[in-house]
C-alpha atoms as a PDB file:
ATOM      1  CA  MET A   1     -11.698   5.951  15.741  1.00  0.00           C
ATOM      2  CA  GLU A   2     -10.071   3.092  17.034  1.00  0.00           C
ATOM      3  CA  ARG A   3     -10.949  -0.241  15.653  1.00  0.00           C
ATOM      4  CA  ASN A   4     -10.344  -4.060  16.198  1.00  0.00           C
ATOM      5  CA  ASN A   5      -7.650  -4.939  13.677  1.00  0.00           C
ATOM      6  CA  LEU A   6      -7.160  -8.522  15.164  1.00  0.00           C
ATOM      7  CA  TYR A   7      -7.671 -11.517  12.342  1.00  0.00           C
ATOM      8  CA  PRO A   8      -9.928 -13.913  13.828  1.00  0.00           C
ATOM      9  CA  ILE A   9      -9.236 -17.551  12.879  1.00  0.00           C
ATOM     10  CA  PHE A  10     -10.210 -21.114  14.545  1.00  0.00           C
ATOM     11  CA  LEU A  11      -7.326 -23.514  15.357  1.00  0.00           C
ATOM     12  CA  LYS A  12      -7.062 -27.069  15.336  1.00  0.00           C
ATOM     13  CA  VAL A  13      -5.295 -27.300  18.369  1.00  0.00           C
ATOM     14  CA  LYS A  14      -5.584 -30.961  18.526  1.00  0.00           C
ATOM     15  CA  ASN A  15      -3.039 -30.726  15.398  1.00  0.00           C
ATOM     16  CA  LEU A  16      -0.901 -28.153  17.592  1.00  0.00           C
ATOM     17  CA  GLU A  17       0.957 -28.313  20.819  1.00  0.00           C
ATOM     18  CA  VAL A  18       0.315 -25.682  23.541  1.00  0.00           C
ATOM     19  CA  LEU A  19       2.472 -25.099  26.475  1.00  0.00           C
ATOM     20  CA  ILE A  20       0.948 -23.002  29.351  1.00  0.00           C
ATOM     21  CA  ILE A  21       3.518 -21.543  31.760  1.00  0.00           C
ATOM     22  CA  GLY A  22       2.250 -21.201  35.330  1.00  0.00           C
ATOM     23  CA  GLY A  23      -0.099 -23.453  37.593  1.00  0.00           C
ATOM     24  CA  GLY A  24      -1.771 -20.775  39.465  1.00  0.00           C
ATOM     25  CA  PHE A  25      -5.413 -19.336  38.993  1.00  0.00           C
ATOM     26  CA  VAL A  26      -4.947 -17.539  35.626  1.00  0.00           C
ATOM     27  CA  ALA A  27      -3.283 -20.780  34.149  1.00  0.00           C
ATOM     28  CA  GLU A  28      -6.248 -22.956  34.980  1.00  0.00           C
ATOM     29  CA  GLU A  29      -8.755 -20.599  33.778  1.00  0.00           C
ATOM     30  CA  LYS A  30      -6.806 -20.487  30.116  1.00  0.00           C
ATOM     31  CA  LEU A  31      -6.834 -24.322  30.545  1.00  0.00           C
ATOM     32  CA  THR A  32     -10.177 -24.301  31.331  1.00  0.00           C
ATOM     33  CA  PHE A  33     -11.530 -22.588  28.434  1.00  0.00           C
ATOM     34  CA  LEU A  34      -9.065 -23.974  26.386  1.00  0.00           C
ATOM     35  CA  LEU A  35     -10.400 -27.552  26.870  1.00  0.00           C
ATOM     36  CA  LYS A  36     -14.059 -26.509  27.218  1.00  0.00           C
ATOM     37  CA  SER A  37     -13.434 -25.449  23.507  1.00  0.00           C
ATOM     38  CA  SER A  38     -11.225 -28.061  22.107  1.00  0.00           C
ATOM     39  CA  PRO A  39     -11.212 -31.072  24.623  1.00  0.00           C
ATOM     40  CA  ASP A  40      -8.664 -32.624  22.346  1.00  0.00           C
ATOM     41  CA  ALA A  41      -5.879 -30.243  22.688  1.00  0.00           C
ATOM     42  CA  ASN A  42      -2.526 -31.036  23.473  1.00  0.00           C
ATOM     43  CA  VAL A  43      -1.294 -28.972  26.318  1.00  0.00           C
ATOM     44  CA  THR A  44       1.911 -29.052  28.390  1.00  0.00           C
ATOM     45  CA  MET A  45       1.948 -26.908  31.408  1.00  0.00           C
ATOM     46  CA  VAL A  46       5.206 -26.123  33.295  1.00  0.00           C
ATOM     47  CA  SER A  47       5.204 -24.692  37.025  1.00  0.00           C
ATOM     48  CA  PRO A  48       6.893 -25.252  40.133  1.00  0.00           C
ATOM     49  CA  MET A  49       3.375 -25.827  41.541  1.00  0.00           C
ATOM     50  CA  PHE A  50      -0.212 -26.775  40.177  1.00  0.00           C
ATOM     51  CA  ARG A  51      -3.706 -26.098  41.644  1.00  0.00           C
ATOM     52  CA  GLU A  52      -5.715 -29.364  42.545  1.00  0.00           C
ATOM     53  CA  GLY A  53      -8.451 -28.094  39.879  1.00  0.00           C
ATOM     54  CA  THR A  54      -5.568 -27.779  37.368  1.00  0.00           C
ATOM     55  CA  ILE A  55      -4.290 -31.546  38.226  1.00  0.00           C
ATOM     56  CA  GLU A  56      -8.350 -32.757  37.736  1.00  0.00           C
ATOM     57  CA  LEU A  57      -8.476 -30.851  34.685  1.00  0.00           C
ATOM     58  CA  ALA A  58      -5.159 -32.494  33.223  1.00  0.00           C
ATOM     59  CA  LYS A  59      -6.511 -35.737  34.000  1.00  0.00           C
ATOM     60  CA  LYS A  60      -9.691 -35.597  31.832  1.00  0.00           C
ATOM     61  CA  GLY A  61      -7.727 -33.973  28.906  1.00  0.00           C
ATOM     62  CA  ASN A  62      -4.227 -34.549  26.938  1.00  0.00           C
ATOM     63  CA  VAL A  63      -2.360 -32.352  29.444  1.00  0.00           C
ATOM     64  CA  ALA A  64       1.524 -33.100  30.621  1.00  0.00           C
ATOM     65  CA  LEU A  65       2.016 -31.172  33.862  1.00  0.00           C
ATOM     66  CA  VAL A  66       5.587 -30.607  34.262  1.00  0.00           C
ATOM     67  CA  GLU A  67       6.572 -29.578  37.912  1.00  0.00           C
ATOM     68  CA  ASP A  68       9.600 -27.057  37.031  1.00  0.00           C
ATOM     69  CA  VAL A  69      10.430 -23.350  36.535  1.00  0.00           C
ATOM     70  CA  TYR A  70      10.051 -22.015  33.088  1.00  0.00           C
ATOM     71  CA  LYS A  71      13.083 -22.476  30.813  1.00  0.00           C
ATOM     72  CA  LYS A  72      13.693 -21.604  27.099  1.00  0.00           C
ATOM     73  CA  GLU A  73      14.108 -25.300  26.084  1.00  0.00           C
ATOM     74  CA  TYR A  74      10.413 -25.704  27.088  1.00  0.00           C
ATOM     75  CA  ILE A  75       9.057 -23.687  24.068  1.00  0.00           C
ATOM     76  CA  GLN A  76      10.812 -26.243  21.771  1.00  0.00           C
ATOM     77  CA  GLY A  77       8.167 -28.278  19.664  1.00  0.00           C
ATOM     78  CA  LYS A  78       5.322 -25.782  20.645  1.00  0.00           C
ATOM     79  CA  HIS A  79       3.493 -23.987  18.387  1.00  0.00           C
ATOM     80  CA  MET A  80       1.212 -21.565  20.825  1.00  0.00           C
ATOM     81  CA  VAL A  81       2.802 -20.486  24.456  1.00  0.00           C
ATOM     82  CA  VAL A  82       0.511 -18.693  26.813  1.00  0.00           C
ATOM     83  CA  ALA A  83       2.702 -17.435  29.868  1.00  0.00           C
ATOM     84  CA  THR A  84       0.501 -16.811  33.255  1.00  0.00           C
ATOM     85  CA  THR A  85       2.890 -16.732  36.096  1.00  0.00           C
ATOM     86  CA  ASP A  86       2.968 -13.652  38.350  1.00  0.00           C
ATOM     87  CA  VAL A  87       6.211 -12.927  37.767  1.00  0.00           C
ATOM     88  CA  PRO A  88       6.560 -10.682  35.377  1.00  0.00           C
ATOM     89  CA  ASP A  89      10.230 -11.146  34.393  1.00  0.00           C
ATOM     90  CA  VAL A  90       9.407 -14.715  33.620  1.00  0.00           C
ATOM     91  CA  ASN A  91       6.815 -13.683  31.273  1.00  0.00           C
ATOM     92  CA  VAL A  92       8.610 -11.166  29.376  1.00  0.00           C
ATOM     93  CA  GLN A  93      11.639 -13.748  28.960  1.00  0.00           C
ATOM     94  CA  ALA A  94       9.141 -16.523  27.578  1.00  0.00           C
ATOM     95  CA  TRP A  95       7.634 -13.836  25.317  1.00  0.00           C
ATOM     96  CA  LYS A  96      11.376 -12.945  23.902  1.00  0.00           C
ATOM     97  CA  ASP A  97      12.280 -16.485  23.493  1.00  0.00           C
ATOM     98  CA  CYS A  98       9.130 -17.042  21.415  1.00  0.00           C
ATOM     99  CA  ARG A  99       9.573 -14.136  19.583  1.00  0.00           C
ATOM    100  CA  ALA A 100      13.254 -15.223  18.795  1.00  0.00           C
ATOM    101  CA  GLU A 101      11.779 -18.459  17.758  1.00  0.00           C
ATOM    102  CA  ALA A 102       8.570 -17.298  15.752  1.00  0.00           C
ATOM    103  CA  LYS A 103       5.921 -18.753  18.280  1.00  0.00           C
ATOM    104  CA  LEU A 104       2.841 -17.452  18.792  1.00  0.00           C
ATOM    105  CA  VAL A 105       2.727 -16.154  22.476  1.00  0.00           C
ATOM    106  CA  ASN A 106       0.073 -14.613  24.656  1.00  0.00           C
ATOM    107  CA  VAL A 107       0.935 -12.961  28.133  1.00  0.00           C
ATOM    108  CA  ALA A 108      -1.876 -13.097  30.211  1.00  0.00           C
ATOM    109  CA  ASP A 109      -3.466  -9.469  30.934  1.00  0.00           C
ATOM    110  CA  ASN A 110      -0.513  -7.950  29.358  1.00  0.00           C
ATOM    111  CA  PRO A 111      -1.332  -6.796  25.391  1.00  0.00           C
ATOM    112  CA  PRO A 112       1.692  -5.377  24.204  1.00  0.00           C
ATOM    113  CA  TYR A 113       3.193  -9.200  24.850  1.00  0.00           C
ATOM    114  CA  CYS A 114       0.413 -10.888  22.945  1.00  0.00           C
ATOM    115  CA  ASP A 115       0.469 -11.968  19.310  1.00  0.00           C
ATOM    116  CA  PHE A 116      -3.420 -13.307  20.178  1.00  0.00           C
ATOM    117  CA  TYR A 117      -6.152 -12.993  22.525  1.00  0.00           C
ATOM    118  CA  MET A 118      -8.115 -15.693  24.034  1.00  0.00           C
ATOM    119  CA  GLY A 119     -11.714 -14.099  23.416  1.00  0.00           C
ATOM    120  CA  GLY A 120     -15.238 -15.135  24.705  1.00  0.00           C
ATOM    121  CA  ILE A 121     -16.522 -18.360  22.947  1.00  0.00           C
ATOM    122  CA  VAL A 122     -19.792 -19.558  22.423  1.00  0.00           C
ATOM    123  CA  THR A 123     -20.256 -23.150  21.014  1.00  0.00           C
ATOM    124  CA  LYS A 124     -23.594 -24.817  19.858  1.00  0.00           C
ATOM    125  CA  GLY A 125     -23.090 -27.847  18.258  1.00  0.00           C
ATOM    126  CA  ASN A 126     -20.834 -27.068  14.921  1.00  0.00           C
ATOM    127  CA  VAL A 127     -21.765 -23.326  15.268  1.00  0.00           C
ATOM    128  CA  LYS A 128     -18.982 -21.343  17.263  1.00  0.00           C
ATOM    129  CA  VAL A 129     -18.759 -17.710  17.851  1.00  0.00           C
ATOM    130  CA  ALA A 130     -15.775 -15.950  19.170  1.00  0.00           C
ATOM    131  CA  ILE A 131     -15.872 -12.556  20.479  1.00  0.00           C
ATOM    132  CA  SER A 132     -12.736 -10.167  20.951  1.00  0.00           C
ATOM    133  CA  THR A 133     -12.713  -6.944  22.348  1.00  0.00           C
ATOM    134  CA  ASN A 134      -9.281  -6.277  21.078  1.00  0.00           C
ATOM    135  CA  GLY A 135      -7.718  -6.971  24.890  1.00  0.00           C
ATOM    136  CA  LYS A 136      -9.496  -3.738  26.013  1.00  0.00           C
ATOM    137  CA  SER A 137     -12.096  -5.566  28.398  1.00  0.00           C
ATOM    138  CA  PRO A 138     -12.388  -9.308  28.873  1.00  0.00           C
ATOM    139  CA  THR A 139     -15.452  -8.786  31.052  1.00  0.00           C
ATOM    140  CA  THR A 140     -17.385  -7.020  27.989  1.00  0.00           C
ATOM    141  CA  ALA A 141     -16.381 -10.331  26.016  1.00  0.00           C
ATOM    142  CA  LYS A 142     -17.685 -12.312  28.995  1.00  0.00           C
ATOM    143  CA  ARG A 143     -21.302 -10.682  28.818  1.00  0.00           C
ATOM    144  CA  LEU A 144     -21.715 -10.747  25.215  1.00  0.00           C
ATOM    145  CA  ARG A 145     -20.949 -14.462  25.295  1.00  0.00           C
ATOM    146  CA  GLN A 146     -23.691 -14.922  27.561  1.00  0.00           C
ATOM    147  CA  PHE A 147     -25.981 -12.681  25.181  1.00  0.00           C
ATOM    148  CA  PHE A 148     -24.894 -14.924  22.436  1.00  0.00           C
ATOM    149  CA  GLU A 149     -25.653 -18.100  24.162  1.00  0.00           C
ATOM    150  CA  ASP A 150     -29.271 -16.891  25.196  1.00  0.00           C
ATOM    151  CA  VAL A 151     -29.602 -15.573  21.397  1.00  0.00           C
ATOM    152  CA  ILE A 152     -28.719 -18.194  19.238  1.00  0.00           C
ATOM    153  CA  PRO A 153     -31.195 -21.032  18.838  1.00  0.00           C
ATOM    154  CA  GLU A 154     -30.584 -24.552  20.466  1.00  0.00           C
ATOM    155  CA  ASN A 155     -31.340 -25.978  17.129  1.00  0.00           C
ATOM    156  CA  ILE A 156     -28.730 -24.199  15.006  1.00  0.00           C
ATOM    157  CA  ASP A 157     -26.874 -27.348  14.792  1.00  0.00           C
ATOM    158  CA  ASP A 158     -29.584 -29.312  13.072  1.00  0.00           C
ATOM    159  CA  LEU A 159     -30.076 -26.276  10.755  1.00  0.00           C
ATOM    160  CA  VAL A 160     -26.240 -26.370  10.168  1.00  0.00           C
ATOM    161  CA  LYS A 161     -26.350 -30.014   9.195  1.00  0.00           C
ATOM    162  CA  ASN A 162     -29.449 -29.971   7.238  1.00  0.00           C
ATOM    163  CA  LEU A 163     -27.717 -27.212   5.030  1.00  0.00           C
ATOM    164  CA  ASN A 164     -24.709 -29.595   4.609  1.00  0.00           C
ATOM    165  CA  GLU A 165     -26.923 -32.041   3.308  1.00  0.00           C
ATOM    166  CA  TYR A 166     -28.734 -29.751   1.021  1.00  0.00           C
ATOM    167  CA  ARG A 167     -25.174 -28.347   0.163  1.00  0.00           C
ATOM    168  CA  LYS A 168     -24.378 -31.576  -1.400  1.00  0.00           C
ATOM    169  CA  THR A 169     -27.718 -31.741  -3.588  1.00  0.00           C
ATOM    170  CA  ILE A 170     -27.258 -28.348  -5.459  1.00  0.00           C
ATOM    171  CA  LYS A 171     -25.639 -28.686  -9.114  1.00  0.00           C
ATOM    172  CA  GLY A 172     -23.194 -26.474 -10.519  1.00  0.00           C
ATOM    173  CA  ASP A 173     -19.638 -24.890  -9.777  1.00  0.00           C
ATOM    174  CA  PHE A 174     -18.580 -23.505  -6.729  1.00  0.00           C
ATOM    175  CA  GLU A 175     -20.284 -19.949  -7.394  1.00  0.00           C
ATOM    176  CA  GLU A 176     -23.326 -21.102  -8.346  1.00  0.00           C
ATOM    177  CA  LYS A 177     -23.326 -23.376  -5.372  1.00  0.00           C
ATOM    178  CA  VAL A 178     -22.660 -20.334  -2.989  1.00  0.00           C
ATOM    179  CA  GLU A 179     -25.636 -18.231  -4.820  1.00  0.00           C
ATOM    180  CA  THR A 180     -27.701 -20.943  -4.238  1.00  0.00           C
ATOM    181  CA  LEU A 181     -26.971 -21.327  -0.679  1.00  0.00           C
ATOM    182  CA  ASN A 182     -27.206 -17.600  -0.338  1.00  0.00           C
ATOM    183  CA  GLU A 183     -30.594 -17.399  -1.651  1.00  0.00           C
ATOM    184  CA  PHE A 184     -31.687 -20.463   0.442  1.00  0.00           C
ATOM    185  CA  THR A 185     -30.574 -18.952   3.799  1.00  0.00           C
ATOM    186  CA  LYS A 186     -31.377 -15.307   3.483  1.00  0.00           C
ATOM    187  CA  GLY A 187     -34.567 -15.688   5.468  1.00  0.00           C
ATOM    188  CA  LEU A 188     -32.129 -16.538   8.336  1.00  0.00           C
ATOM    189  CA  ILE A 189     -31.452 -12.755   8.565  1.00  0.00           C
ATOM    190  CA  GLU A 190     -34.625 -11.259   7.745  1.00  0.00           C
ATOM    191  CA  LYS A 191     -36.617  -9.722  10.465  1.00  0.00           C
END
């Protein structure tokens, strides 16, 4: 049976430099979801043209728009690259350049050229759930995101904040605190 072997992480993209190559619909979609999840992300976009929506989004975030074709020097100082052009040779070249420089890269809609996928994300205050279909079905990830948005209670953030305050009052070493919190929160998953 096939399984998802991806390792999920939550990146502090405000501490990283992100490059999006392309200025079309897919680039705008990637920027939209990135800024929705991390409004403080540092993003540079390189493209000969940008959609009006992209220009408006850039004004709301820390997004630099560079009107140019992709060149290898644009990946310098970047930690993460997303290639979204409609020219496969440009995307593959960006992938090769990133591999040579040990940079994380995602070539949109081309799983063999991806170190990571940008999955579905549900955010409710401090709680964030990321959904991956291993690059097989973004539509399924979208539907699961909608499901979790409905199922996770709106007041989940209050619970998280209260548990954080309670955690500060617990005595003992790390292991004892974990055990106490595990016992205290057991009721959250009981039916």
